[in-house]
């Protein structure tokens, strides 16, 4: 039960991280970045973050390159959704 609570808190933080960051002062922002980021690098004038676990998996999930562009992995769901 403790592990599921911790997982829920991580998902809540990941969901609210951007809005929290905007509202916080510099000290709180630094603390938030220490929780989420392992380190950052600069590549061609772009900041490239490396996330701590499990935030790394959440960030990869946002990458649209991971989606299958051809066929839905659950075609029945798409058909049921279209009928409703």
PDB file of N, CA and C in Angstrom:
ATOM      1  N   UNK A   1       0.822  -1.189   0.000  1.00  0.00           N
ATOM      2  CA  UNK A   1       0.000   0.000   0.000  1.00  0.00           C
ATOM      3  C   UNK A   1       0.866   1.254   0.000  1.00  0.00           C
ATOM      4  N   UNK A   2       1.985   1.228   0.703  1.00  0.00           N
ATOM      5  CA  UNK A   2       2.874   2.373   0.745  1.00  0.00           C
ATOM      6  C   UNK A   2       3.458   2.649  -0.632  1.00  0.00           C
ATOM      7  N   UNK A   3       3.818   1.588  -1.364  1.00  0.00           N
ATOM      8  CA  UNK A   3       4.394   1.760  -2.702  1.00  0.00           C
ATOM      9  C   UNK A   3       3.382   2.389  -3.656  1.00  0.00           C
ATOM     10  N   UNK A   4       2.113   1.979  -3.576  1.00  0.00           N
ATOM     11  CA  UNK A   4       1.110   2.562  -4.464  1.00  0.00           C
ATOM     12  C   UNK A   4       0.861   4.030  -4.118  1.00  0.00           C
ATOM     13  N   UNK A   5       0.931   4.376  -2.836  1.00  0.00           N
ATOM     14  CA  UNK A   5       0.772   5.776  -2.422  1.00  0.00           C
ATOM     15  C   UNK A   5       1.923   6.611  -2.963  1.00  0.00           C
ATOM     16  N   UNK A   6       3.143   6.063  -2.868  1.00  0.00           N
ATOM     17  CA  UNK A   6       4.313   6.774  -3.382  1.00  0.00           C
ATOM     18  C   UNK A   6       4.202   6.960  -4.893  1.00  0.00           C
ATOM     19  N   UNK A   7       3.753   5.917  -5.587  1.00  0.00           N
ATOM     20  CA  UNK A   7       3.566   6.024  -7.032  1.00  0.00           C
ATOM     21  C   UNK A   7       2.534   7.070  -7.402  1.00  0.00           C
ATOM     22  N   UNK A   8       1.463   7.138  -6.642  1.00  0.00           N
ATOM     23  CA  UNK A   8       0.432   8.145  -6.873  1.00  0.00           C
ATOM     24  C   UNK A   8       0.986   9.546  -6.670  1.00  0.00           C
ATOM     25  N   UNK A   9       1.793   9.730  -5.631  1.00  0.00           N
ATOM     26  CA  UNK A   9       2.396  11.048  -5.367  1.00  0.00           C
ATOM     27  C   UNK A   9       3.360  11.448  -6.487  1.00  0.00           C
ATOM     28  N   UNK A  10       4.090  10.478  -7.025  1.00  0.00           N
ATOM     29  CA  UNK A  10       5.007  10.758  -8.132  1.00  0.00           C
ATOM     30  C   UNK A  10       4.227  11.202  -9.364  1.00  0.00           C
ATOM     31  N   UNK A  11       3.130  10.516  -9.659  1.00  0.00           N
ATOM     32  CA  UNK A  11       2.305  10.905 -10.808  1.00  0.00           C
ATOM     33  C   UNK A  11       1.682  12.279 -10.607  1.00  0.00           C
ATOM     34  N   UNK A  12       1.244  12.583  -9.393  1.00  0.00           N
ATOM     35  CA  UNK A  12       0.696  13.910  -9.102  1.00  0.00           C
ATOM     36  C   UNK A  12       1.756  14.982  -9.302  1.00  0.00           C
ATOM     37  N   UNK A  13       2.963  14.723  -8.814  1.00  0.00           N
ATOM     38  CA  UNK A  13       4.045  15.690  -8.984  1.00  0.00           C
ATOM     39  C   UNK A  13       4.367  15.881 -10.463  1.00  0.00           C
ATOM     40  N   UNK A  14       4.455  14.798 -11.211  1.00  0.00           N
ATOM     41  CA  UNK A  14       4.751  14.895 -12.643  1.00  0.00           C
ATOM     42  C   UNK A  14       3.664  15.681 -13.367  1.00  0.00           C
ATOM     43  N   UNK A  15       2.429  15.498 -12.960  1.00  0.00           N
ATOM     44  CA  UNK A  15       1.315  16.182 -13.591  1.00  0.00           C
ATOM     45  C   UNK A  15       1.309  17.678 -13.280  1.00  0.00           C
ATOM     46  N   UNK A  16       1.759  18.053 -12.082  1.00  0.00           N
ATOM     47  CA  UNK A  16       1.688  19.448 -11.640  1.00  0.00           C
ATOM     48  C   UNK A  16       3.034  20.165 -11.669  1.00  0.00           C
ATOM     49  N   UNK A  17       4.093  19.501 -12.074  1.00  0.00           N
ATOM     50  CA  UNK A  17       5.440  20.068 -11.973  1.00  0.00           C
ATOM     51  C   UNK A  17       5.562  21.418 -12.671  1.00  0.00           C
ATOM     52  N   UNK A  18       5.037  21.551 -13.840  1.00  0.00           N
ATOM     53  CA  UNK A  18       5.178  22.806 -14.583  1.00  0.00           C
ATOM     54  C   UNK A  18       4.469  23.958 -13.876  1.00  0.00           C
ATOM     55  N   UNK A  19       3.232  23.746 -13.478  1.00  0.00           N
ATOM     56  CA  UNK A  19       2.501  24.825 -12.810  1.00  0.00           C
ATOM     57  C   UNK A  19       3.116  25.138 -11.446  1.00  0.00           C
ATOM     58  N   UNK A  20       3.593  24.111 -10.735  1.00  0.00           N
ATOM     59  CA  UNK A  20       4.277  24.353  -9.461  1.00  0.00           C
ATOM     60  C   UNK A  20       5.529  25.185  -9.683  1.00  0.00           C
ATOM     61  N   UNK A  21       6.290  24.836 -10.691  1.00  0.00           N
ATOM     62  CA  UNK A  21       7.533  25.555 -10.990  1.00  0.00           C
ATOM     63  C   UNK A  21       7.260  27.038 -11.232  1.00  0.00           C
ATOM     64  N   UNK A  22       6.226  27.340 -11.972  1.00  0.00           N
ATOM     65  CA  UNK A  22       5.913  28.735 -12.283  1.00  0.00           C
ATOM     66  C   UNK A  22       5.513  29.535 -11.044  1.00  0.00           C
ATOM     67  N   UNK A  23       4.897  28.894 -10.056  1.00  0.00           N
ATOM     68  CA  UNK A  23       4.396  29.579  -8.865  1.00  0.00           C
ATOM     69  C   UNK A  23       5.443  29.733  -7.763  1.00  0.00           C
ATOM     70  N   UNK A  24       6.515  28.958  -7.821  1.00  0.00           N
ATOM     71  CA  UNK A  24       7.461  28.905  -6.712  1.00  0.00           C
ATOM     72  C   UNK A  24       8.558  29.954  -6.823  1.00  0.00           C
ATOM     73  N   UNK A  25       9.180  30.234  -5.657  1.00  0.00           N
ATOM     74  CA  UNK A  25      10.335  31.139  -5.651  1.00  0.00           C
ATOM     75  C   UNK A  25      11.568  30.356  -6.112  1.00  0.00           C
ATOM     76  N   UNK A  26      12.705  31.035  -6.228  1.00  0.00           N
ATOM     77  CA  UNK A  26      13.910  30.409  -6.782  1.00  0.00           C
ATOM     78  C   UNK A  26      14.388  29.223  -5.948  1.00  0.00           C
ATOM     79  N   UNK A  27      14.323  29.322  -4.634  1.00  0.00           N
ATOM     80  CA  UNK A  27      14.762  28.231  -3.768  1.00  0.00           C
ATOM     81  C   UNK A  27      13.878  26.992  -3.962  1.00  0.00           C
ATOM     82  N   UNK A  28      12.561  27.185  -4.009  1.00  0.00           N
ATOM     83  CA  UNK A  28      11.638  26.062  -4.202  1.00  0.00           C
ATOM     84  C   UNK A  28      11.777  25.466  -5.597  1.00  0.00           C
ATOM     85  N   UNK A  29      12.044  26.318  -6.588  1.00  0.00           N
ATOM     86  CA  UNK A  29      12.262  25.814  -7.948  1.00  0.00           C
ATOM     87  C   UNK A  29      13.489  24.912  -7.993  1.00  0.00           C
ATOM     88  N   UNK A  30      14.560  25.334  -7.318  1.00  0.00           N
ATOM     89  CA  UNK A  30      15.784  24.533  -7.286  1.00  0.00           C
ATOM     90  C   UNK A  30      15.511  23.182  -6.631  1.00  0.00           C
ATOM     91  N   UNK A  31      14.735  23.162  -5.553  1.00  0.00           N
ATOM     92  CA  UNK A  31      14.393  21.903  -4.889  1.00  0.00           C
ATOM     93  C   UNK A  31      13.593  20.991  -5.814  1.00  0.00           C
ATOM     94  N   UNK A  32      12.641  21.545  -6.533  1.00  0.00           N
ATOM     95  CA  UNK A  32      11.838  20.759  -7.464  1.00  0.00           C
ATOM     96  C   UNK A  32      12.713  20.163  -8.560  1.00  0.00           C
ATOM     97  N   UNK A  33      13.628  20.955  -9.089  1.00  0.00           N
ATOM     98  CA  UNK A  33      14.524  20.451 -10.136  1.00  0.00           C
ATOM     99  C   UNK A  33      15.447  19.362  -9.600  1.00  0.00           C
ATOM    100  N   UNK A  34      15.875  19.467  -8.336  1.00  0.00           N
ATOM    101  CA  UNK A  34      16.706  18.418  -7.743  1.00  0.00           C
ATOM    102  C   UNK A  34      15.940  17.103  -7.600  1.00  0.00           C
ATOM    103  N   UNK A  35      14.651  17.186  -7.380  1.00  0.00           N
ATOM    104  CA  UNK A  35      13.827  15.986  -7.248  1.00  0.00           C
ATOM    105  C   UNK A  35      13.653  15.296  -8.598  1.00  0.00           C
ATOM    106  N   UNK A  36      13.452  16.075  -9.653  1.00  0.00           N
ATOM    107  CA  UNK A  36      13.079  15.545 -10.961  1.00  0.00           C
ATOM    108  C   UNK A  36      14.280  15.268 -11.874  1.00  0.00           C
ATOM    109  N   UNK A  37      15.307  16.102 -11.804  1.00  0.00           N
ATOM    110  CA  UNK A  37      16.411  16.015 -12.769  1.00  0.00           C
ATOM    111  C   UNK A  37      17.673  15.392 -12.184  1.00  0.00           C
ATOM    112  N   UNK A  38      18.357  14.605 -12.989  1.00  0.00           N
ATOM    113  CA  UNK A  38      19.663  14.075 -12.640  1.00  0.00           C
ATOM    114  C   UNK A  38      20.729  15.106 -13.020  1.00  0.00           C
ATOM    115  N   UNK A  39      20.660  15.589 -14.257  1.00  0.00           N
ATOM    116  CA  UNK A  39      21.529  16.661 -14.734  1.00  0.00           C
ATOM    117  C   UNK A  39      20.976  17.187 -16.059  1.00  0.00           C
ATOM    118  N   UNK A  40      21.556  18.293 -16.534  1.00  0.00           N
ATOM    119  CA  UNK A  40      21.186  18.873 -17.827  1.00  0.00           C
ATOM    120  C   UNK A  40      22.451  19.154 -18.619  1.00  0.00           C
ATOM    121  N   UNK A  41      22.331  19.084 -19.931  1.00  0.00           N
ATOM    122  CA  UNK A  41      23.438  19.429 -20.819  1.00  0.00           C
ATOM    123  C   UNK A  41      22.926  20.412 -21.862  1.00  0.00           C
ATOM    124  N   UNK A  42      23.863  21.107 -22.492  1.00  0.00           N
ATOM    125  CA  UNK A  42      23.535  21.992 -23.606  1.00  0.00           C
ATOM    126  C   UNK A  42      23.973  21.334 -24.896  1.00  0.00           C
ATOM    127  N   UNK A  43      23.060  21.314 -25.863  1.00  0.00           N
ATOM    128  CA  UNK A  43      23.391  20.758 -27.175  1.00  0.00           C
ATOM    129  C   UNK A  43      22.804  21.695 -28.223  1.00  0.00           C
ATOM    130  N   UNK A  44      23.667  22.302 -29.015  1.00  0.00           N
ATOM    131  CA  UNK A  44      23.234  23.246 -30.053  1.00  0.00           C
ATOM    132  C   UNK A  44      22.323  24.320 -29.476  1.00  0.00           C
ATOM    133  N   UNK A  45      22.725  24.898 -28.363  1.00  0.00           N
ATOM    134  CA  UNK A  45      22.004  25.976 -27.674  1.00  0.00           C
ATOM    135  C   UNK A  45      20.642  25.545 -27.121  1.00  0.00           C
ATOM    136  N   UNK A  46      20.417  24.231 -26.988  1.00  0.00           N
ATOM    137  CA  UNK A  46      19.178  23.723 -26.404  1.00  0.00           C
ATOM    138  C   UNK A  46      19.509  22.976 -25.117  1.00  0.00           C
ATOM    139  N   UNK A  47      18.697  23.176 -24.105  1.00  0.00           N
ATOM    140  CA  UNK A  47      18.869  22.491 -22.832  1.00  0.00           C
ATOM    141  C   UNK A  47      18.302  21.080 -22.943  1.00  0.00           C
ATOM    142  N   UNK A  48      19.110  20.084 -22.615  1.00  0.00           N
ATOM    143  CA  UNK A  48      18.701  18.674 -22.708  1.00  0.00           C
ATOM    144  C   UNK A  48      18.700  18.064 -21.310  1.00  0.00           C
ATOM    145  N   UNK A  49      17.514  17.891 -20.729  1.00  0.00           N
ATOM    146  CA  UNK A  49      17.460  17.344 -19.369  1.00  0.00           C
ATOM    147  C   UNK A  49      17.620  15.824 -19.354  1.00  0.00           C
ATOM    148  N   UNK A  50      18.229  15.323 -18.294  1.00  0.00           N
ATOM    149  CA  UNK A  50      18.274  13.895 -18.006  1.00  0.00           C
ATOM    150  C   UNK A  50      17.530  13.719 -16.694  1.00  0.00           C
ATOM    151  N   UNK A  51      16.424  12.988 -16.749  1.00  0.00           N
ATOM    152  CA  UNK A  51      15.537  12.871 -15.599  1.00  0.00           C
ATOM    153  C   UNK A  51      15.950  11.721 -14.684  1.00  0.00           C
ATOM    154  N   UNK A  52      15.658  11.888 -13.394  1.00  0.00           N
ATOM    155  CA  UNK A  52      15.829  10.807 -12.431  1.00  0.00           C
ATOM    156  C   UNK A  52      14.703   9.807 -12.627  1.00  0.00           C
ATOM    157  N   UNK A  53      14.936   8.590 -12.169  1.00  0.00           N
ATOM    158  CA  UNK A  53      13.881   7.575 -12.179  1.00  0.00           C
ATOM    159  C   UNK A  53      12.845   7.938 -11.133  1.00  0.00           C
ATOM    160  N   UNK A  54      11.597   7.793 -11.362  1.00  0.00           N
ATOM    161  CA  UNK A  54      10.872   7.259 -12.506  1.00  0.00           C
ATOM    162  C   UNK A  54      10.448   8.341 -13.495  1.00  0.00           C
ATOM    163  N   UNK A  55      10.895   9.577 -13.265  1.00  0.00           N
ATOM    164  CA  UNK A  55      10.494  10.661 -14.150  1.00  0.00           C
ATOM    165  C   UNK A  55      11.028  10.459 -15.562  1.00  0.00           C
ATOM    166  N   UNK A  56      12.114   9.707 -15.716  1.00  0.00           N
ATOM    167  CA  UNK A  56      12.653   9.426 -17.046  1.00  0.00           C
ATOM    168  C   UNK A  56      11.668   8.631 -17.885  1.00  0.00           C
ATOM    169  N   UNK A  57      11.005   7.656 -17.261  1.00  0.00           N
ATOM    170  CA  UNK A  57      10.007   6.863 -18.001  1.00  0.00           C
ATOM    171  C   UNK A  57       8.790   7.705 -18.357  1.00  0.00           C
ATOM    172  N   UNK A  58       8.396   8.597 -17.465  1.00  0.00           N
ATOM    173  CA  UNK A  58       7.251   9.463 -17.747  1.00  0.00           C
ATOM    174  C   UNK A  58       7.572  10.414 -18.894  1.00  0.00           C
ATOM    175  N   UNK A  59       8.784  10.954 -18.900  1.00  0.00           N
ATOM    176  CA  UNK A  59       9.183  11.861 -19.988  1.00  0.00           C
ATOM    177  C   UNK A  59       9.251  11.127 -21.318  1.00  0.00           C
ATOM    178  N   UNK A  60       9.740   9.895 -21.325  1.00  0.00           N
ATOM    179  CA  UNK A  60       9.798   9.110 -22.562  1.00  0.00           C
ATOM    180  C   UNK A  60       8.399   8.796 -23.075  1.00  0.00           C
ATOM    181  N   UNK A  61       7.460   8.623 -22.178  1.00  0.00           N
ATOM    182  CA  UNK A  61       6.085   8.345 -22.570  1.00  0.00           C
ATOM    183  C   UNK A  61       5.448   9.500 -23.305  1.00  0.00           C
ATOM    184  N   UNK A  62       5.964  10.709 -23.094  1.00  0.00           N
ATOM    185  CA  UNK A  62       5.440  11.883 -23.782  1.00  0.00           C
ATOM    186  C   UNK A  62       5.983  12.019 -25.196  1.00  0.00           C
ATOM    187  N   UNK A  63       7.028  11.296 -25.501  1.00  0.00           N
ATOM    188  CA  UNK A  63       7.644  11.364 -26.818  1.00  0.00           C
ATOM    189  C   UNK A  63       6.715  10.707 -27.832  1.00  0.00           C
ATOM    190  N   UNK A  64       6.202  11.486 -28.778  1.00  0.00           N
ATOM    191  CA  UNK A  64       5.245  10.941 -29.744  1.00  0.00           C
ATOM    192  C   UNK A  64       5.880   9.914 -30.666  1.00  0.00           C
ATOM    193  N   UNK A  65       7.193   9.838 -30.712  1.00  0.00           N
ATOM    194  CA  UNK A  65       7.867   8.846 -31.523  1.00  0.00           C
ATOM    195  C   UNK A  65       7.627   7.427 -31.024  1.00  0.00           C
ATOM    196  N   UNK A  66       7.163   7.286 -29.792  1.00  0.00           N
ATOM    197  CA  UNK A  66       6.894   5.966 -29.231  1.00  0.00           C
ATOM    198  C   UNK A  66       5.546   5.411 -29.684  1.00  0.00           C
ATOM    199  N   UNK A  67       4.713   6.217 -30.281  1.00  0.00           N
ATOM    200  CA  UNK A  67       3.375   5.772 -30.681  1.00  0.00           C
ATOM    201  C   UNK A  67       3.453   5.033 -32.010  1.00  0.00           C
ATOM    202  N   UNK A  68       2.584   4.039 -32.169  1.00  0.00           N
ATOM    203  CA  UNK A  68       2.512   3.294 -33.419  1.00  0.00           C
ATOM    204  C   UNK A  68       1.643   4.082 -34.402  1.00  0.00           C
ATOM    205  N   UNK A  69       2.204   4.587 -35.486  1.00  0.00           N
ATOM    206  CA  UNK A  69       1.419   5.417 -36.397  1.00  0.00           C
ATOM    207  C   UNK A  69       0.477   4.632 -37.313  1.00  0.00           C
ATOM    208  N   UNK A  70       0.726   3.336 -37.528  1.00  0.00           N
ATOM    209  CA  UNK A  70      -0.055   2.594 -38.502  1.00  0.00           C
ATOM    210  C   UNK A  70      -1.419   2.179 -37.935  1.00  0.00           C
ATOM    211  N   UNK A  71      -1.408   1.250 -37.057  1.00  0.00           N
ATOM    212  CA  UNK A  71      -2.627   0.597 -36.618  1.00  0.00           C
ATOM    213  C   UNK A  71      -2.771   0.762 -35.113  1.00  0.00           C
ATOM    214  N   UNK A  72      -3.991   0.996 -34.678  1.00  0.00           N
ATOM    215  CA  UNK A  72      -4.264   1.088 -33.256  1.00  0.00           C
ATOM    216  C   UNK A  72      -4.014  -0.267 -32.616  1.00  0.00           C
ATOM    217  N   UNK A  73      -3.376  -0.270 -31.437  1.00  0.00           N
ATOM    218  CA  UNK A  73      -3.104  -1.532 -30.766  1.00  0.00           C
ATOM    219  C   UNK A  73      -4.374  -2.148 -30.185  1.00  0.00           C
ATOM    220  N   UNK A  74      -5.461  -1.385 -30.152  1.00  0.00           N
ATOM    221  CA  UNK A  74      -6.743  -1.897 -29.666  1.00  0.00           C
ATOM    222  C   UNK A  74      -7.839  -1.433 -30.629  1.00  0.00           C
ATOM    223  N   UNK A  75      -7.937  -2.040 -31.812  1.00  0.00           N
ATOM    224  CA  UNK A  75      -8.895  -1.566 -32.815  1.00  0.00           C
ATOM    225  C   UNK A  75     -10.345  -1.693 -32.369  1.00  0.00           C
ATOM    226  N   UNK A  76     -10.646  -2.652 -31.498  1.00  0.00           N
ATOM    227  CA  UNK A  76     -12.015  -2.816 -31.022  1.00  0.00           C
ATOM    228  C   UNK A  76     -12.465  -1.595 -30.217  1.00  0.00           C
ATOM    229  N   UNK A  77     -11.550  -1.039 -29.412  1.00  0.00           N
ATOM    230  CA  UNK A  77     -11.882   0.140 -28.626  1.00  0.00           C
ATOM    231  C   UNK A  77     -12.240   1.314 -29.544  1.00  0.00           C
ATOM    232  N   UNK A  78     -11.475   1.483 -30.620  1.00  0.00           N
ATOM    233  CA  UNK A  78     -11.733   2.578 -31.542  1.00  0.00           C
ATOM    234  C   UNK A  78     -13.103   2.409 -32.191  1.00  0.00           C
ATOM    235  N   UNK A  79     -13.454   1.193 -32.548  1.00  0.00           N
ATOM    236  CA  UNK A  79     -14.761   0.910 -33.155  1.00  0.00           C
ATOM    237  C   UNK A  79     -15.873   1.186 -32.156  1.00  0.00           C
ATOM    238  N   UNK A  80     -15.720   0.733 -30.902  1.00  0.00           N
ATOM    239  CA  UNK A  80     -16.751   0.969 -29.876  1.00  0.00           C
ATOM    240  C   UNK A  80     -16.896   2.458 -29.603  1.00  0.00           C
ATOM    241  N   UNK A  81     -15.778   3.189 -29.570  1.00  0.00           N
ATOM    242  CA  UNK A  81     -15.816   4.628 -29.307  1.00  0.00           C
ATOM    243  C   UNK A  81     -16.534   5.367 -30.427  1.00  0.00           C
ATOM    244  N   UNK A  82     -16.319   4.935 -31.667  1.00  0.00           N
ATOM    245  CA  UNK A  82     -16.973   5.585 -32.813  1.00  0.00           C
ATOM    246  C   UNK A  82     -18.474   5.340 -32.813  1.00  0.00           C
ATOM    247  N   UNK A  83     -18.912   4.206 -32.275  1.00  0.00           N
ATOM    248  CA  UNK A  83     -20.326   3.869 -32.267  1.00  0.00           C
ATOM    249  C   UNK A  83     -21.099   4.590 -31.167  1.00  0.00           C
ATOM    250  N   UNK A  84     -20.417   5.047 -30.140  1.00  0.00           N
ATOM    251  CA  UNK A  84     -21.131   5.679 -29.029  1.00  0.00           C
ATOM    252  C   UNK A  84     -21.364   7.154 -29.253  1.00  0.00           C
TER     253      UNK A  84
END
